[in-house]
N, C-alpha and C. Protein backbone atom coordinates (compact mmCIF):
# COMPACT_ATOMS: atom_id res chain seq x y z
N MET A 1 0.81 -1.20 0.00
CA MET A 1 0.00 0.00 0.00
C MET A 1 0.85 1.26 0.00
N LEU A 2 2.00 1.20 0.65
CA LEU A 2 2.80 2.42 0.82
C LEU A 2 3.13 3.11 -0.50
N PRO A 3 3.54 2.41 -1.55
CA PRO A 3 3.79 3.12 -2.81
C PRO A 3 2.55 3.83 -3.35
N HIS A 4 1.39 3.23 -3.20
CA HIS A 4 0.16 3.87 -3.69
C HIS A 4 -0.18 5.10 -2.85
N VAL A 5 0.02 5.00 -1.55
CA VAL A 5 -0.24 6.14 -0.66
C VAL A 5 0.76 7.26 -0.96
N LEU A 6 2.02 6.91 -1.19
CA LEU A 6 3.02 7.93 -1.54
C LEU A 6 2.66 8.59 -2.87
N GLY A 7 2.20 7.81 -3.82
CA GLY A 7 1.78 8.37 -5.10
C GLY A 7 0.62 9.33 -4.96
N TYR A 8 -0.23 9.09 -3.99
CA TYR A 8 -1.38 9.96 -3.75
C TYR A 8 -0.98 11.20 -2.95
N ASN A 9 -0.24 11.01 -1.87
CA ASN A 9 0.07 12.12 -0.97
C ASN A 9 1.33 12.90 -1.34
N GLY A 10 2.27 12.26 -2.01
CA GLY A 10 3.54 12.91 -2.35
C GLY A 10 3.38 14.24 -3.07
N PRO A 11 2.54 14.32 -4.12
CA PRO A 11 2.39 15.59 -4.83
C PRO A 11 1.82 16.72 -3.95
N ALA A 12 1.09 16.36 -2.90
CA ALA A 12 0.53 17.37 -2.00
C ALA A 12 1.49 17.74 -0.88
N ALA A 13 2.57 17.00 -0.75
CA ALA A 13 3.57 17.25 0.30
C ALA A 13 4.96 17.12 -0.32
N PRO A 14 5.31 18.04 -1.24
CA PRO A 14 6.58 17.90 -1.96
C PRO A 14 7.81 17.94 -1.06
N GLY A 15 7.76 18.67 0.02
CA GLY A 15 8.91 18.70 0.94
C GLY A 15 9.14 17.34 1.58
N ALA A 16 8.07 16.72 2.02
CA ALA A 16 8.17 15.38 2.62
C ALA A 16 8.62 14.37 1.58
N ALA A 17 8.07 14.46 0.37
CA ALA A 17 8.46 13.53 -0.70
C ALA A 17 9.94 13.69 -1.03
N SER A 18 10.42 14.91 -1.01
CA SER A 18 11.84 15.16 -1.28
C SER A 18 12.73 14.54 -0.19
N ARG A 19 12.31 14.66 1.05
CA ARG A 19 13.09 14.06 2.14
C ARG A 19 13.07 12.53 2.04
N ILE A 20 11.94 11.97 1.67
CA ILE A 20 11.86 10.52 1.49
C ILE A 20 12.79 10.08 0.36
N ALA A 21 12.75 10.81 -0.76
CA ALA A 21 13.62 10.48 -1.89
C ALA A 21 15.08 10.54 -1.49
N GLY A 22 15.45 11.57 -0.72
CA GLY A 22 16.84 11.70 -0.27
C GLY A 22 17.25 10.58 0.66
N ALA A 23 16.37 10.21 1.56
CA ALA A 23 16.69 9.13 2.49
C ALA A 23 16.83 7.80 1.74
N LEU A 24 15.95 7.56 0.78
CA LEU A 24 16.06 6.32 0.00
C LEU A 24 17.33 6.31 -0.83
N ARG A 25 17.70 7.46 -1.39
CA ARG A 25 18.95 7.53 -2.17
C ARG A 25 20.15 7.23 -1.27
N SER A 26 20.14 7.79 -0.06
CA SER A 26 21.23 7.54 0.88
C SER A 26 21.37 6.06 1.21
N ALA A 27 20.26 5.34 1.14
CA ALA A 27 20.27 3.91 1.41
C ALA A 27 20.54 3.10 0.13
N GLY A 28 20.73 3.80 -0.99
CA GLY A 28 21.07 3.11 -2.23
C GLY A 28 19.89 2.83 -3.15
N PHE A 29 18.77 3.51 -2.93
CA PHE A 29 17.58 3.26 -3.73
C PHE A 29 17.10 4.54 -4.39
N GLY A 30 17.15 4.58 -5.69
CA GLY A 30 16.66 5.73 -6.43
C GLY A 30 17.70 6.80 -6.63
N ASP A 31 17.26 7.86 -7.31
CA ASP A 31 18.14 8.96 -7.69
C ASP A 31 18.08 10.15 -6.75
N GLY A 32 17.26 10.07 -5.72
CA GLY A 32 17.13 11.17 -4.77
C GLY A 32 16.16 12.24 -5.21
N LYS A 33 15.60 12.11 -6.41
CA LYS A 33 14.66 13.12 -6.92
C LYS A 33 13.24 12.60 -6.98
N ASP A 34 13.08 11.29 -6.96
CA ASP A 34 11.78 10.66 -7.16
C ASP A 34 11.50 9.70 -6.01
N ALA A 35 10.69 10.13 -5.05
CA ALA A 35 10.42 9.30 -3.88
C ALA A 35 9.74 7.99 -4.26
N LEU A 36 8.78 8.05 -5.15
CA LEU A 36 8.08 6.84 -5.55
C LEU A 36 9.02 5.86 -6.23
N GLY A 37 9.86 6.36 -7.12
CA GLY A 37 10.84 5.50 -7.79
C GLY A 37 11.80 4.86 -6.80
N GLY A 38 12.26 5.62 -5.82
CA GLY A 38 13.15 5.07 -4.80
C GLY A 38 12.46 4.02 -3.96
N LEU A 39 11.21 4.27 -3.59
CA LEU A 39 10.46 3.30 -2.80
C LEU A 39 10.23 2.01 -3.59
N LEU A 40 9.93 2.15 -4.87
CA LEU A 40 9.73 0.96 -5.70
C LEU A 40 11.03 0.18 -5.86
N ALA A 41 12.17 0.88 -5.92
CA ALA A 41 13.46 0.20 -5.98
C ALA A 41 13.71 -0.59 -4.70
N LEU A 42 13.36 -0.01 -3.56
CA LEU A 42 13.49 -0.71 -2.29
C LEU A 42 12.59 -1.94 -2.26
N TYR A 43 11.35 -1.79 -2.68
CA TYR A 43 10.42 -2.93 -2.72
C TYR A 43 10.99 -4.05 -3.59
N ALA A 44 11.55 -3.68 -4.75
CA ALA A 44 12.12 -4.69 -5.65
C ALA A 44 13.29 -5.40 -5.00
N ALA A 45 14.15 -4.65 -4.33
CA ALA A 45 15.32 -5.25 -3.67
C ALA A 45 14.90 -6.21 -2.56
N LEU A 46 13.79 -5.91 -1.91
CA LEU A 46 13.31 -6.75 -0.81
C LEU A 46 12.36 -7.85 -1.28
N SER A 47 12.04 -7.84 -2.57
CA SER A 47 11.01 -8.75 -3.10
C SER A 47 9.72 -8.63 -2.28
N ALA A 48 9.40 -7.38 -1.93
CA ALA A 48 8.20 -7.10 -1.13
C ALA A 48 6.95 -7.34 -1.97
N PRO A 49 5.88 -7.77 -1.33
CA PRO A 49 4.62 -7.98 -2.07
C PRO A 49 4.14 -6.67 -2.69
N THR A 50 3.59 -6.77 -3.88
CA THR A 50 3.10 -5.58 -4.57
C THR A 50 1.61 -5.67 -4.88
N SER A 51 0.95 -6.67 -4.35
CA SER A 51 -0.47 -6.85 -4.61
C SER A 51 -1.20 -7.21 -3.33
N LEU A 52 -2.22 -6.42 -3.01
CA LEU A 52 -3.06 -6.78 -1.87
C LEU A 52 -3.84 -8.07 -2.16
N GLY A 53 -4.07 -8.34 -3.43
CA GLY A 53 -4.73 -9.58 -3.81
C GLY A 53 -3.90 -10.79 -3.40
N ASP A 54 -2.58 -10.68 -3.59
CA ASP A 54 -1.69 -11.77 -3.19
C ASP A 54 -1.65 -11.95 -1.68
N LEU A 55 -2.02 -10.90 -0.97
CA LEU A 55 -2.03 -10.96 0.49
C LEU A 55 -3.41 -11.33 1.04
N GLY A 56 -4.37 -11.59 0.14
CA GLY A 56 -5.67 -12.08 0.59
C GLY A 56 -6.86 -11.15 0.42
N LEU A 57 -6.64 -9.92 -0.06
CA LEU A 57 -7.78 -9.02 -0.26
C LEU A 57 -8.43 -9.32 -1.60
N ALA A 58 -9.66 -9.77 -1.58
CA ALA A 58 -10.39 -10.07 -2.82
C ALA A 58 -10.92 -8.77 -3.43
N GLY A 59 -11.09 -8.78 -4.74
CA GLY A 59 -11.59 -7.60 -5.43
C GLY A 59 -12.92 -7.11 -4.90
N ASP A 60 -13.78 -8.03 -4.49
CA ASP A 60 -15.09 -7.61 -3.99
C ASP A 60 -15.03 -7.07 -2.56
N GLN A 61 -13.86 -7.06 -1.96
CA GLN A 61 -13.69 -6.51 -0.61
C GLN A 61 -13.14 -5.08 -0.62
N VAL A 62 -12.80 -4.58 -1.80
CA VAL A 62 -12.17 -3.26 -1.90
C VAL A 62 -13.06 -2.16 -1.33
N GLY A 63 -14.34 -2.15 -1.66
CA GLY A 63 -15.25 -1.11 -1.15
C GLY A 63 -15.34 -1.11 0.36
N THR A 64 -15.45 -2.28 0.95
CA THR A 64 -15.51 -2.39 2.41
C THR A 64 -14.20 -1.92 3.04
N ALA A 65 -13.08 -2.34 2.44
CA ALA A 65 -11.78 -1.92 2.96
C ALA A 65 -11.62 -0.40 2.88
N ALA A 66 -12.10 0.20 1.79
CA ALA A 66 -12.02 1.65 1.64
C ALA A 66 -12.83 2.36 2.71
N ALA A 67 -14.04 1.88 2.97
CA ALA A 67 -14.88 2.50 4.01
C ALA A 67 -14.22 2.38 5.38
N LEU A 68 -13.63 1.24 5.66
CA LEU A 68 -12.95 1.06 6.96
C LEU A 68 -11.72 1.96 7.06
N ALA A 69 -10.95 2.06 5.98
CA ALA A 69 -9.73 2.87 5.99
C ALA A 69 -10.05 4.37 6.10
N LEU A 70 -11.13 4.79 5.45
CA LEU A 70 -11.49 6.21 5.47
C LEU A 70 -11.66 6.72 6.89
N ALA A 71 -12.21 5.90 7.75
CA ALA A 71 -12.43 6.30 9.14
C ALA A 71 -11.12 6.48 9.91
N LYS A 72 -10.02 5.95 9.38
CA LYS A 72 -8.73 6.00 10.08
C LYS A 72 -7.78 7.06 9.54
N ILE A 73 -8.17 7.76 8.49
CA ILE A 73 -7.28 8.76 7.92
C ILE A 73 -7.29 9.99 8.80
N PRO A 74 -6.11 10.41 9.26
CA PRO A 74 -6.06 11.55 10.18
C PRO A 74 -6.34 12.87 9.48
N PRO A 75 -6.84 13.83 10.23
CA PRO A 75 -7.09 15.16 9.65
C PRO A 75 -5.81 15.80 9.12
N SER A 76 -4.67 15.35 9.59
CA SER A 76 -3.40 15.93 9.16
C SER A 76 -2.89 15.34 7.84
N ASN A 77 -3.66 14.45 7.21
CA ASN A 77 -3.23 13.89 5.93
C ASN A 77 -2.93 15.04 4.98
N PRO A 78 -1.90 14.93 4.14
CA PRO A 78 -1.51 16.05 3.27
C PRO A 78 -2.58 16.54 2.31
N ARG A 79 -3.57 15.71 2.03
CA ARG A 79 -4.65 16.16 1.14
C ARG A 79 -5.94 15.45 1.52
N PRO A 80 -7.06 16.02 1.17
CA PRO A 80 -8.34 15.37 1.48
C PRO A 80 -8.44 14.01 0.76
N VAL A 81 -9.14 13.10 1.39
CA VAL A 81 -9.32 11.76 0.83
C VAL A 81 -10.81 11.42 0.88
N SER A 82 -11.34 11.02 -0.25
CA SER A 82 -12.74 10.58 -0.30
C SER A 82 -12.78 9.06 -0.37
N CYS A 83 -13.94 8.52 -0.15
CA CYS A 83 -14.10 7.07 -0.28
C CYS A 83 -13.79 6.64 -1.72
N GLU A 84 -14.17 7.47 -2.69
CA GLU A 84 -13.87 7.16 -4.09
C GLU A 84 -12.37 7.12 -4.33
N ASP A 85 -11.63 8.06 -3.71
CA ASP A 85 -10.17 8.06 -3.83
C ASP A 85 -9.60 6.74 -3.29
N LEU A 86 -10.10 6.33 -2.14
CA LEU A 86 -9.61 5.10 -1.52
C LEU A 86 -9.97 3.87 -2.33
N VAL A 87 -11.16 3.84 -2.88
CA VAL A 87 -11.53 2.70 -3.71
C VAL A 87 -10.57 2.59 -4.91
N ALA A 88 -10.27 3.72 -5.54
CA ALA A 88 -9.34 3.71 -6.67
C ALA A 88 -7.95 3.23 -6.25
N LEU A 89 -7.45 3.76 -5.13
CA LEU A 89 -6.13 3.35 -4.62
C LEU A 89 -6.11 1.86 -4.28
N LEU A 90 -7.10 1.43 -3.53
CA LEU A 90 -7.14 0.03 -3.10
C LEU A 90 -7.36 -0.91 -4.28
N ALA A 91 -8.14 -0.51 -5.26
CA ALA A 91 -8.34 -1.36 -6.43
C ALA A 91 -7.04 -1.57 -7.18
N ARG A 92 -6.25 -0.49 -7.33
CA ARG A 92 -4.95 -0.61 -7.99
C ARG A 92 -4.03 -1.51 -7.16
N ALA A 93 -4.01 -1.30 -5.86
CA ALA A 93 -3.14 -2.10 -5.00
C ALA A 93 -3.59 -3.55 -4.96
N GLN A 94 -4.89 -3.78 -4.94
CA GLN A 94 -5.41 -5.15 -4.91
C GLN A 94 -5.00 -5.91 -6.17
N ALA A 95 -5.05 -5.23 -7.30
CA ALA A 95 -4.73 -5.85 -8.58
C ALA A 95 -3.23 -5.96 -8.83
N GLY A 96 -2.44 -5.29 -8.01
CA GLY A 96 -0.99 -5.29 -8.24
C GLY A 96 -0.58 -4.33 -9.34
N ALA A 97 -1.42 -3.35 -9.64
CA ALA A 97 -1.11 -2.36 -10.66
C ALA A 97 0.05 -1.47 -10.20
N TYR A 98 0.78 -0.97 -11.16
CA TYR A 98 1.91 -0.09 -10.86
C TYR A 98 1.39 1.17 -10.16
N PRO A 99 2.01 1.57 -9.05
CA PRO A 99 1.58 2.80 -8.37
C PRO A 99 1.78 4.02 -9.27
N ILE A 100 0.87 4.95 -9.20
CA ILE A 100 0.97 6.16 -9.99
C ILE A 100 0.95 7.38 -9.09
N GLU A 101 1.54 8.46 -9.59
CA GLU A 101 1.46 9.73 -8.89
C GLU A 101 0.14 10.38 -9.27
N VAL A 102 -0.63 10.77 -8.26
CA VAL A 102 -1.92 11.42 -8.49
C VAL A 102 -1.72 12.91 -8.24
N PRO A 103 -1.80 13.72 -9.29
CA PRO A 103 -1.57 15.15 -9.10
C PRO A 103 -2.48 15.74 -8.02
N ALA A 104 -1.90 16.60 -7.21
CA ALA A 104 -2.68 17.26 -6.16
C ALA A 104 -3.56 18.33 -6.82
N PRO A 105 -4.76 18.49 -6.30
CA PRO A 105 -5.61 19.56 -6.83
C PRO A 105 -4.99 20.93 -6.50
N PRO A 106 -5.27 21.92 -7.32
CA PRO A 106 -4.73 23.25 -7.02
C PRO A 106 -5.28 23.77 -5.69
N ARG A 107 -4.43 24.48 -4.99
CA ARG A 107 -4.86 25.08 -3.73
C ARG A 107 -5.65 26.35 -4.00
N PRO A 108 -6.70 26.58 -3.22
CA PRO A 108 -7.50 27.80 -3.45
C PRO A 108 -6.74 29.06 -3.12
């Protein structure tokens, strides 16, 4: 889940994403400019699971998982999260789809 969450929140928290990228580069993962790329390099090196489906989450459980997760998202999250956002994130993670960066909406 972490790469998908980073892809969602990273664009809304560029300073934090930059620090993550730098830390991963210091550990030998990535170029220090792309936090998501560095995290994916770490996952590859560890042979970490990349699919929630492989960990037991069935496709028909994504909506329930999203509703449960929504209740746990702190108000300090870098950007607002809707149930629809979570369903999209969890569906990608459940299927093992490549994590994507989700552009942050413009600030008012």
